[in-house]
């Protein structure tokens, strides 16, 4: 046995649904019922994607040979040289 219920819909959506049902020669109830069946039957598509971990470095760590960690200006110079090299690739 069919149940009766009240549904609140935006006016524009309701008008479009009525026109569609009329154009297809069926009732608004039949249109809504079909739509609900489709939505309820859908398998859940939304979900979390499989977790992908970033690659792990196999480096042993520590500074490169010849780098003085106690000198800020030496570190700044190395950064500047790396920046210049990166910019050369974009030319």
N, C-alpha and C. Protein backbone atom coordinates (compact mmCIF):
# COMPACT_ATOMS: atom_id res chain seq x y z
N UNK A 1 0.85 -1.18 0.00
CA UNK A 1 0.00 0.00 0.00
C UNK A 1 0.89 1.25 0.00
N UNK A 2 0.55 2.21 -0.81
CA UNK A 2 1.32 3.44 -0.91
C UNK A 2 1.06 4.34 0.29
N UNK A 3 2.11 5.03 0.70
CA UNK A 3 2.00 5.97 1.81
C UNK A 3 1.90 7.39 1.26
N UNK A 4 1.25 8.23 2.02
CA UNK A 4 1.17 9.65 1.67
C UNK A 4 2.17 10.39 2.53
N UNK A 5 2.79 11.40 1.94
CA UNK A 5 3.74 12.21 2.69
C UNK A 5 3.75 13.62 2.10
N UNK A 6 4.30 14.53 2.86
CA UNK A 6 4.43 15.91 2.40
C UNK A 6 5.91 16.17 2.16
N UNK A 7 6.21 16.75 1.03
CA UNK A 7 7.60 17.07 0.68
C UNK A 7 7.66 18.54 0.32
N UNK A 8 8.65 19.21 0.85
CA UNK A 8 8.82 20.63 0.52
C UNK A 8 9.93 20.74 -0.53
N UNK A 9 9.59 21.34 -1.65
CA UNK A 9 10.52 21.49 -2.76
C UNK A 9 10.57 22.95 -3.19
N UNK A 10 11.70 23.39 -3.72
CA UNK A 10 11.74 24.74 -4.28
C UNK A 10 10.73 24.85 -5.42
N UNK A 11 10.07 25.99 -5.51
CA UNK A 11 9.01 26.19 -6.50
C UNK A 11 9.49 25.91 -7.92
N UNK A 12 10.68 26.41 -8.27
CA UNK A 12 11.19 26.22 -9.63
C UNK A 12 11.40 24.74 -9.94
N UNK A 13 11.93 24.00 -8.98
CA UNK A 13 12.14 22.56 -9.19
C UNK A 13 10.81 21.83 -9.34
N UNK A 14 9.86 22.18 -8.52
CA UNK A 14 8.54 21.55 -8.61
C UNK A 14 7.89 21.82 -9.96
N UNK A 15 7.98 23.04 -10.45
CA UNK A 15 7.40 23.38 -11.74
C UNK A 15 8.08 22.61 -12.87
N UNK A 16 9.40 22.49 -12.82
CA UNK A 16 10.12 21.72 -13.85
C UNK A 16 9.71 20.25 -13.80
N UNK A 17 9.58 19.72 -12.59
CA UNK A 17 9.19 18.31 -12.44
C UNK A 17 7.78 18.08 -12.99
N UNK A 18 6.87 19.01 -12.71
CA UNK A 18 5.50 18.87 -13.23
C UNK A 18 5.49 18.90 -14.75
N UNK A 19 6.26 19.82 -15.35
CA UNK A 19 6.32 19.91 -16.81
C UNK A 19 6.90 18.63 -17.41
N UNK A 20 7.94 18.10 -16.79
CA UNK A 20 8.57 16.88 -17.29
C UNK A 20 7.59 15.70 -17.21
N UNK A 21 6.94 15.57 -16.07
CA UNK A 21 5.96 14.48 -15.90
C UNK A 21 4.86 14.60 -16.94
N UNK A 22 4.36 15.81 -17.14
CA UNK A 22 3.29 16.04 -18.12
C UNK A 22 3.77 15.71 -19.53
N UNK A 23 4.99 16.12 -19.88
CA UNK A 23 5.53 15.87 -21.21
C UNK A 23 5.70 14.38 -21.46
N UNK A 24 5.98 13.63 -20.39
CA UNK A 24 6.18 12.18 -20.53
C UNK A 24 4.88 11.40 -20.32
N UNK A 25 3.80 12.11 -20.07
CA UNK A 25 2.49 11.48 -19.91
C UNK A 25 2.37 10.64 -18.64
N UNK A 26 2.95 11.10 -17.58
CA UNK A 26 2.83 10.38 -16.31
C UNK A 26 2.61 11.36 -15.17
N UNK A 27 2.36 10.84 -14.02
CA UNK A 27 2.06 11.71 -12.87
C UNK A 27 3.35 12.19 -12.21
N UNK A 28 3.21 13.26 -11.46
CA UNK A 28 4.33 13.77 -10.69
C UNK A 28 4.79 12.71 -9.68
N UNK A 29 3.84 12.00 -9.10
CA UNK A 29 4.18 10.93 -8.15
C UNK A 29 5.06 9.87 -8.80
N UNK A 30 4.73 9.48 -10.03
CA UNK A 30 5.52 8.47 -10.73
C UNK A 30 6.93 8.96 -11.01
N UNK A 31 7.05 10.25 -11.36
CA UNK A 31 8.36 10.83 -11.62
C UNK A 31 9.21 10.85 -10.36
N UNK A 32 8.62 11.30 -9.25
CA UNK A 32 9.34 11.35 -7.98
C UNK A 32 9.72 9.93 -7.53
N UNK A 33 8.81 8.99 -7.68
CA UNK A 33 9.08 7.61 -7.29
C UNK A 33 10.27 7.05 -8.08
N UNK A 34 10.29 7.28 -9.38
CA UNK A 34 11.40 6.78 -10.20
C UNK A 34 12.73 7.41 -9.76
N UNK A 35 12.70 8.71 -9.52
CA UNK A 35 13.92 9.39 -9.07
C UNK A 35 14.43 8.86 -7.75
N UNK A 36 13.52 8.64 -6.81
CA UNK A 36 13.93 8.10 -5.52
C UNK A 36 14.48 6.69 -5.65
N UNK A 37 13.87 5.88 -6.50
CA UNK A 37 14.37 4.51 -6.71
C UNK A 37 15.80 4.53 -7.25
N UNK A 38 16.06 5.43 -8.19
CA UNK A 38 17.41 5.54 -8.76
C UNK A 38 18.41 5.95 -7.70
N UNK A 39 18.08 6.96 -6.92
CA UNK A 39 19.01 7.45 -5.89
C UNK A 39 19.25 6.41 -4.81
N UNK A 40 18.21 5.73 -4.38
CA UNK A 40 18.34 4.74 -3.32
C UNK A 40 19.12 3.52 -3.80
N UNK A 41 18.97 3.17 -5.07
CA UNK A 41 19.64 1.98 -5.61
C UNK A 41 21.11 2.22 -5.93
N UNK A 42 21.52 3.47 -6.07
CA UNK A 42 22.91 3.77 -6.40
C UNK A 42 23.84 3.26 -5.33
N UNK A 43 24.93 2.70 -5.78
CA UNK A 43 25.97 2.32 -4.83
C UNK A 43 26.67 3.59 -4.41
N UNK A 44 27.15 3.60 -3.23
CA UNK A 44 27.81 4.78 -2.71
C UNK A 44 29.05 5.08 -3.53
N UNK A 45 29.01 6.18 -4.26
CA UNK A 45 30.14 6.58 -5.09
C UNK A 45 31.08 7.49 -4.31
N UNK A 46 30.51 8.22 -3.40
CA UNK A 46 31.31 9.16 -2.63
C UNK A 46 31.98 8.40 -1.50
N UNK A 47 33.22 8.61 -1.36
CA UNK A 47 33.95 7.96 -0.30
C UNK A 47 35.39 8.43 -0.33
N UNK A 48 36.09 7.95 0.61
CA UNK A 48 37.49 8.34 0.67
C UNK A 48 38.27 7.53 -0.35
N UNK A 49 39.13 8.22 -1.06
CA UNK A 49 40.00 7.56 -2.01
C UNK A 49 41.04 6.76 -1.23
N UNK A 50 41.56 5.72 -1.83
CA UNK A 50 42.60 4.97 -1.13
C UNK A 50 43.74 5.89 -0.74
N UNK A 51 44.23 5.68 0.43
CA UNK A 51 45.29 6.55 0.93
C UNK A 51 46.60 6.24 0.23
N UNK A 52 47.21 7.27 -0.33
CA UNK A 52 48.49 7.12 -1.00
C UNK A 52 49.53 7.86 -0.18
N UNK A 53 50.51 7.13 0.25
CA UNK A 53 51.57 7.73 1.06
C UNK A 53 52.65 8.30 0.15
N UNK A 54 53.25 9.39 0.57
CA UNK A 54 54.33 9.97 -0.23
C UNK A 54 55.55 9.06 -0.21
N UNK A 55 56.40 9.17 -1.22
CA UNK A 55 57.60 8.35 -1.23
C UNK A 55 58.49 8.67 -0.04
N UNK A 56 59.15 7.66 0.46
CA UNK A 56 60.03 7.83 1.62
C UNK A 56 61.46 7.97 1.13
N UNK A 57 62.14 8.96 1.66
CA UNK A 57 63.54 9.17 1.29
C UNK A 57 64.41 8.10 1.93
N UNK A 58 65.35 7.64 1.18
CA UNK A 58 66.30 6.66 1.70
C UNK A 58 67.62 7.33 2.09
N UNK A 59 67.62 8.66 2.10
CA UNK A 59 68.83 9.41 2.44
C UNK A 59 69.21 9.16 3.90
N UNK A 60 70.49 9.23 4.15
CA UNK A 60 70.96 9.00 5.51
C UNK A 60 70.87 10.26 6.35
N UNK A 61 70.64 11.37 5.74
CA UNK A 61 70.47 12.62 6.47
C UNK A 61 71.77 13.38 6.62
N UNK A 62 71.65 14.53 7.23
CA UNK A 62 72.83 15.36 7.45
C UNK A 62 73.07 16.29 6.28
N UNK A 63 73.89 17.29 6.49
CA UNK A 63 74.17 18.25 5.43
C UNK A 63 75.11 17.66 4.38
N UNK A 64 75.08 18.27 3.20
CA UNK A 64 76.00 17.87 2.15
C UNK A 64 77.42 18.25 2.58
N UNK A 65 78.40 17.53 2.12
CA UNK A 65 79.79 17.86 2.48
C UNK A 65 80.12 19.29 2.08
N UNK A 66 80.81 20.00 2.94
CA UNK A 66 81.24 21.36 2.64
C UNK A 66 80.26 22.43 3.06
N UNK A 67 79.13 22.06 3.65
CA UNK A 67 78.14 23.05 4.08
C UNK A 67 78.35 23.34 5.56
N UNK A 68 78.52 24.61 5.86
CA UNK A 68 78.74 25.04 7.23
C UNK A 68 77.40 25.48 7.84
N UNK A 69 76.88 24.66 8.74
CA UNK A 69 75.57 24.96 9.34
C UNK A 69 75.63 26.10 10.35
N UNK A 70 76.81 26.52 10.73
CA UNK A 70 76.92 27.60 11.71
C UNK A 70 76.95 28.96 11.05
N UNK A 71 77.03 29.00 9.72
CA UNK A 71 77.12 30.28 9.01
C UNK A 71 75.82 30.54 8.25
N UNK A 72 75.05 31.53 8.72
CA UNK A 72 73.80 31.87 8.06
C UNK A 72 74.04 32.35 6.64
N UNK A 73 75.07 33.14 6.43
CA UNK A 73 75.33 33.67 5.09
C UNK A 73 75.71 32.55 4.12
N UNK A 74 76.38 31.51 4.58
CA UNK A 74 76.72 30.38 3.71
C UNK A 74 75.44 29.63 3.31
N UNK A 75 74.53 29.44 4.26
CA UNK A 75 73.26 28.78 3.96
C UNK A 75 72.43 29.60 2.98
N UNK A 76 72.43 30.92 3.19
CA UNK A 76 71.69 31.81 2.29
C UNK A 76 72.26 31.77 0.89
N UNK A 77 73.57 31.70 0.79
CA UNK A 77 74.22 31.63 -0.52
C UNK A 77 73.85 30.34 -1.24
N UNK A 78 73.81 29.22 -0.53
CA UNK A 78 73.42 27.95 -1.13
C UNK A 78 71.98 28.02 -1.62
N UNK A 79 71.08 28.60 -0.82
CA UNK A 79 69.68 28.76 -1.24
C UNK A 79 69.58 29.61 -2.49
N UNK A 80 70.35 30.70 -2.54
CA UNK A 80 70.32 31.58 -3.70
C UNK A 80 70.80 30.84 -4.95
N UNK A 81 71.87 30.05 -4.81
CA UNK A 81 72.38 29.31 -5.96
C UNK A 81 71.36 28.28 -6.45
N UNK A 82 70.68 27.60 -5.51
CA UNK A 82 69.65 26.64 -5.89
C UNK A 82 68.50 27.34 -6.60
N UNK A 83 68.13 28.53 -6.11
CA UNK A 83 67.05 29.30 -6.73
C UNK A 83 67.42 29.69 -8.16
N UNK A 84 68.65 30.13 -8.36
CA UNK A 84 69.11 30.53 -9.69
C UNK A 84 69.05 29.33 -10.64
N UNK A 85 69.47 28.17 -10.17
CA UNK A 85 69.41 26.95 -11.00
C UNK A 85 67.97 26.61 -11.39
N UNK A 86 67.05 26.73 -10.43
CA UNK A 86 65.65 26.44 -10.73
C UNK A 86 65.10 27.41 -11.77
N UNK A 87 65.47 28.69 -11.66
CA UNK A 87 64.97 29.69 -12.60
C UNK A 87 65.54 29.48 -14.00
N UNK A 88 66.75 28.96 -14.10
CA UNK A 88 67.35 28.69 -15.40
C UNK A 88 66.54 27.65 -16.17
N UNK A 89 65.91 26.71 -15.47
CA UNK A 89 65.13 25.66 -16.12
C UNK A 89 63.87 26.21 -16.77
N UNK A 90 63.38 27.35 -16.31
CA UNK A 90 62.13 27.91 -16.85
C UNK A 90 62.36 28.85 -18.03
N UNK A 91 63.59 29.09 -18.38
CA UNK A 91 63.85 30.02 -19.49
C UNK A 91 63.66 29.36 -20.80
